[in-house]
Amino acid sequence: MSNPWFTLPLAEYEAHMALPSIGQAQLIAGLLERLVQALSPTSVAVLGCAGGNGLERLVGTSIERVVALDINPLYVNAARERFRNRFSTTEFVVADIRDVKPMFEPVELIYAALIFEYVDLHQALRFMYLHCQTTGSLAAVLQMPSNSITDVTPSPYRSLRSLEPIMRLVAPDELRHYASETGFSQVSSRVLLSPGGKEFSLEEFQKGATTVNSRP
């Protein structure tokens, strides 16, 4: 099966995610902004960057170095055009995070929003561990199952339906298990509600941390 992430038009993906009835673009960008405010890292890698959603929120913050990574080179090119001159250092990387090898120098914060639904957990976490600095942080946003809304929310942008065959929701407990096996320790967990009515879980991990703080 071909990977639909290579053929999904960026304009349609961004428009779908930003619809008021879905609101996931706003959720993802807002969480990234709040994580940077709370952790004050100087470097961040945004995995599955698409066109760079959320990076505009980091201008003028503690962030000096941004790594924007995606599997689709057209998405990465769009992010480059939008943000190449906005930070002291910007790196735009085309890569598949299932390919566990060094792609960039480690960063203080790795942000993986709605990534684990499309990848092998063990491979992806190994990639993230490899690119996370010692005592650095990993923040993952997971989509939770819904009894009333399909996994891919219906919208006028029918191209998004191509993601349905490859999407698998990941339970927070499953992510925590594999993260612990990889070498990450959980530091917090909380559930969030998007404007579209879907629940998402923000899972935060750190190399070398042991404290767990679950928040509603």
Protein backbone atom coordinates (compact mmCIF):
# COMPACT_ATOMS: atom_id res chain seq x y z
CA MET A 1 0.00 0.00 0.00
CA SER A 2 1.37 3.42 -0.95
CA ASN A 3 1.71 5.98 1.80
CA PRO A 4 -1.05 8.62 1.45
CA TRP A 5 1.12 11.19 3.25
CA PHE A 6 3.08 11.52 -0.01
CA THR A 7 0.01 12.48 -2.06
CA LEU A 8 -2.24 14.35 0.39
CA PRO A 9 -2.26 18.03 -0.72
CA LEU A 10 -0.87 20.28 2.00
CA ALA A 11 -3.49 22.98 1.37
CA GLU A 12 -6.32 20.50 1.92
CA TYR A 13 -4.70 18.99 5.01
CA GLU A 14 -4.14 22.41 6.58
CA ALA A 15 -7.64 23.60 5.71
CA HIS A 16 -9.18 20.45 7.20
CA MET A 17 -7.20 20.71 10.43
CA ALA A 18 -8.04 24.40 10.85
CA LEU A 19 -11.81 24.09 10.35
CA PRO A 20 -13.65 25.52 13.39
CA SER A 21 -15.55 22.24 13.65
CA ILE A 22 -12.25 20.34 13.95
CA GLY A 23 -9.80 22.79 15.50
CA GLN A 24 -6.86 20.42 15.65
CA ALA A 25 -4.40 22.86 14.06
CA GLN A 26 -5.16 25.37 16.79
CA LEU A 27 -4.85 22.70 19.49
CA ILE A 28 -1.48 21.46 18.23
CA ALA A 29 -0.04 24.97 17.87
CA GLY A 30 -1.31 26.06 21.28
CA LEU A 31 0.16 23.04 23.04
CA LEU A 32 3.55 23.61 21.43
CA GLU A 33 3.51 27.23 22.56
CA ARG A 34 2.60 26.30 26.14
CA LEU A 35 5.24 23.57 26.31
CA VAL A 36 7.95 26.01 25.26
CA GLN A 37 6.72 28.55 27.80
CA ALA A 38 6.80 25.93 30.57
CA LEU A 39 10.10 24.21 29.70
CA SER A 40 12.08 27.12 28.17
CA PRO A 41 14.12 24.96 25.79
CA THR A 42 16.47 26.60 23.32
CA SER A 43 16.01 23.89 20.68
CA VAL A 44 12.95 21.97 19.46
CA ALA A 45 12.25 19.35 16.82
CA VAL A 46 8.73 19.29 15.43
CA LEU A 47 8.08 15.86 13.93
CA GLY A 48 5.41 15.70 11.25
CA CYS A 49 5.76 19.44 10.78
CA ALA A 50 3.53 19.61 7.66
CA GLY A 51 3.71 23.26 6.62
CA GLY A 52 5.06 24.40 9.98
CA ASN A 53 1.86 24.77 12.01
CA GLY A 54 2.75 26.17 15.44
CA LEU A 55 6.20 27.47 14.58
CA GLU A 56 4.82 31.00 14.32
CA ARG A 57 4.01 30.78 18.04
CA LEU A 58 7.70 30.27 18.89
CA VAL A 59 9.06 33.49 17.40
CA GLY A 60 10.35 35.64 20.25
CA THR A 61 10.47 32.76 22.76
CA SER A 62 13.45 30.90 24.23
CA ILE A 63 13.76 28.90 21.00
CA GLU A 64 16.96 29.54 19.05
CA ARG A 65 17.10 26.36 16.97
CA VAL A 66 14.18 24.69 15.17
CA VAL A 67 14.24 21.34 13.41
CA ALA A 68 11.16 20.81 11.21
CA LEU A 69 10.85 17.22 9.95
CA ASP A 70 8.31 15.51 7.74
CA ILE A 71 8.16 12.52 5.43
CA ASN A 72 6.72 14.62 2.56
CA PRO A 73 9.31 16.84 0.84
CA LEU A 74 6.63 19.23 -0.41
CA TYR A 75 5.50 19.83 3.17
CA VAL A 76 9.08 20.47 4.26
CA ASN A 77 9.60 22.89 1.37
CA ALA A 78 6.50 24.82 2.42
CA ALA A 79 7.73 25.01 6.02
CA ARG A 80 11.12 26.19 4.76
CA GLU A 81 9.56 28.98 2.70
CA ARG A 82 7.52 30.16 5.66
CA PHE A 83 10.06 29.93 8.48
CA ARG A 84 13.65 29.76 7.21
CA ASN A 85 14.51 33.25 8.47
CA ARG A 86 12.47 33.32 11.66
CA PHE A 87 14.95 31.72 14.10
CA SER A 88 18.70 31.83 14.70
CA THR A 89 19.05 28.29 13.31
CA THR A 90 16.51 26.36 11.26
CA GLU A 91 16.89 22.86 9.88
CA PHE A 92 14.36 21.35 7.49
CA VAL A 93 14.61 17.58 7.28
CA VAL A 94 12.87 15.12 4.97
CA ALA A 95 12.86 11.78 6.77
CA ASP A 96 10.84 8.77 7.82
CA ILE A 97 11.13 8.39 11.59
CA ARG A 98 10.85 4.63 11.21
CA ASP A 99 14.40 4.84 9.83
CA VAL A 100 16.34 4.85 13.10
CA LYS A 101 19.57 6.66 12.29
CA PRO A 102 20.98 10.12 13.11
CA MET A 103 19.23 12.83 11.08
CA PHE A 104 20.10 15.93 13.14
CA GLU A 105 21.88 16.91 16.34
CA PRO A 106 19.80 16.20 19.48
CA VAL A 107 17.42 18.86 20.76
CA GLU A 108 16.03 19.78 24.17
CA LEU A 109 12.38 19.22 23.20
CA ILE A 110 10.84 16.82 20.71
CA TYR A 111 7.22 17.55 19.82
CA ALA A 112 5.29 14.67 18.24
CA ALA A 113 1.64 15.62 17.72
CA LEU A 114 -0.59 13.03 16.02
CA ILE A 115 2.43 11.07 14.84
CA PHE A 116 2.17 7.78 16.71
CA GLU A 117 -1.12 6.94 14.98
CA TYR A 118 0.82 6.28 11.76
CA VAL A 119 4.12 4.68 12.80
CA ASP A 120 5.58 1.71 14.62
CA LEU A 121 5.83 2.77 18.28
CA HIS A 122 9.13 1.05 19.00
CA GLN A 123 10.89 2.43 15.93
CA ALA A 124 9.51 5.93 16.38
CA LEU A 125 10.48 6.11 20.05
CA ARG A 126 13.99 4.87 19.30
CA PHE A 127 14.29 7.66 16.71
CA MET A 128 13.08 10.22 19.25
CA TYR A 129 15.39 8.95 21.97
CA LEU A 130 18.34 9.17 19.59
CA HIS A 131 17.54 12.81 18.80
CA CYS A 132 16.67 13.96 22.33
CA GLN A 133 19.35 15.52 24.52
CA THR A 134 20.22 14.01 27.89
CA THR A 135 17.48 15.17 30.32
CA GLY A 136 15.60 16.50 27.28
CA SER A 137 11.83 16.22 26.89
CA LEU A 138 9.43 14.42 24.58
CA ALA A 139 5.84 15.65 24.28
CA ALA A 140 3.37 13.45 22.43
CA VAL A 141 -0.21 14.27 21.48
CA LEU A 142 -2.44 11.22 21.01
CA GLN A 143 -5.97 11.12 19.63
CA MET A 144 -8.37 9.30 21.92
CA PRO A 145 -11.20 7.08 20.60
CA SER A 146 -14.69 8.55 20.26
CA ASN A 147 -18.07 6.82 20.18
CA SER A 148 -19.65 9.62 18.18
CA ILE A 149 -16.94 10.92 15.81
CA THR A 150 -14.99 8.88 13.28
CA ASP A 151 -11.20 8.72 13.65
CA VAL A 152 -10.79 11.00 10.62
CA THR A 153 -13.45 13.67 11.11
CA PRO A 154 -15.66 14.16 8.01
CA SER A 155 -15.09 17.45 6.21
CA PRO A 156 -15.38 18.93 2.71
CA TYR A 157 -11.76 17.84 2.16
CA ARG A 158 -12.38 14.26 1.10
CA SER A 159 -8.68 13.63 0.42
CA LEU A 160 -8.23 13.20 4.18
CA ARG A 161 -10.17 9.94 3.98
CA SER A 162 -7.08 8.38 2.38
CA LEU A 163 -5.53 8.32 5.86
CA GLU A 164 -8.18 6.01 7.32
CA PRO A 165 -6.58 2.69 6.23
CA ILE A 166 -3.22 3.51 7.85
CA MET A 167 -4.43 5.24 11.01
CA ARG A 168 -4.36 3.34 14.31
CA LEU A 169 -5.22 5.05 17.56
CA VAL A 170 -2.66 4.45 20.32
CA ALA A 171 -3.72 4.16 23.95
CA PRO A 172 -1.68 6.28 26.38
CA ASP A 173 -0.82 3.16 28.40
CA GLU A 174 0.64 1.53 25.30
CA LEU A 175 2.78 4.57 24.54
CA ARG A 176 3.97 4.75 28.15
CA HIS A 177 5.00 1.09 28.05
CA TYR A 178 7.10 1.45 24.91
CA ALA A 179 8.50 4.80 26.03
CA SER A 180 9.68 3.24 29.29
CA GLU A 181 11.29 0.36 27.40
CA THR A 182 13.09 2.87 25.18
CA GLY A 183 14.45 4.92 28.10
CA PHE A 184 11.93 7.70 28.58
CA SER A 185 10.25 8.32 31.95
CA GLN A 186 6.80 9.83 32.08
CA VAL A 187 6.49 13.15 33.90
CA SER A 188 2.88 14.13 33.17
CA SER A 189 -0.32 13.17 31.40
CA ARG A 190 -3.52 15.09 30.75
CA VAL A 191 -6.60 14.90 28.55
CA LEU A 192 -7.65 17.83 26.34
CA LEU A 193 -10.76 18.55 24.32
CA SER A 194 -10.54 20.02 20.83
CA PRO A 195 -13.07 22.54 19.50
CA GLY A 196 -14.44 19.71 17.36
CA GLY A 197 -15.30 17.64 20.44
CA LYS A 198 -12.53 15.04 20.21
CA GLU A 199 -10.38 14.13 23.19
CA PHE A 200 -6.59 14.12 22.98
CA SER A 201 -3.98 13.05 25.50
CA LEU A 202 -0.80 15.05 26.06
CA GLU A 203 1.91 12.70 27.30
CA GLU A 204 5.18 14.24 28.51
CA PHE A 205 8.38 12.26 29.00
CA GLN A 206 11.97 12.99 29.92
CA LYS A 207 15.28 11.20 29.80
CA GLY A 208 16.25 10.37 33.35
CA ALA A 209 13.07 11.62 35.05
CA THR A 210 11.05 9.45 37.43
CA THR A 211 8.15 11.61 38.69
CA VAL A 212 4.70 10.96 37.25
CA ASN A 213 2.00 13.63 37.53
CA SER A 214 -1.36 12.78 35.97
CA ARG A 215 -3.68 15.73 35.51
CA PRO A 216 -7.34 15.78 34.42
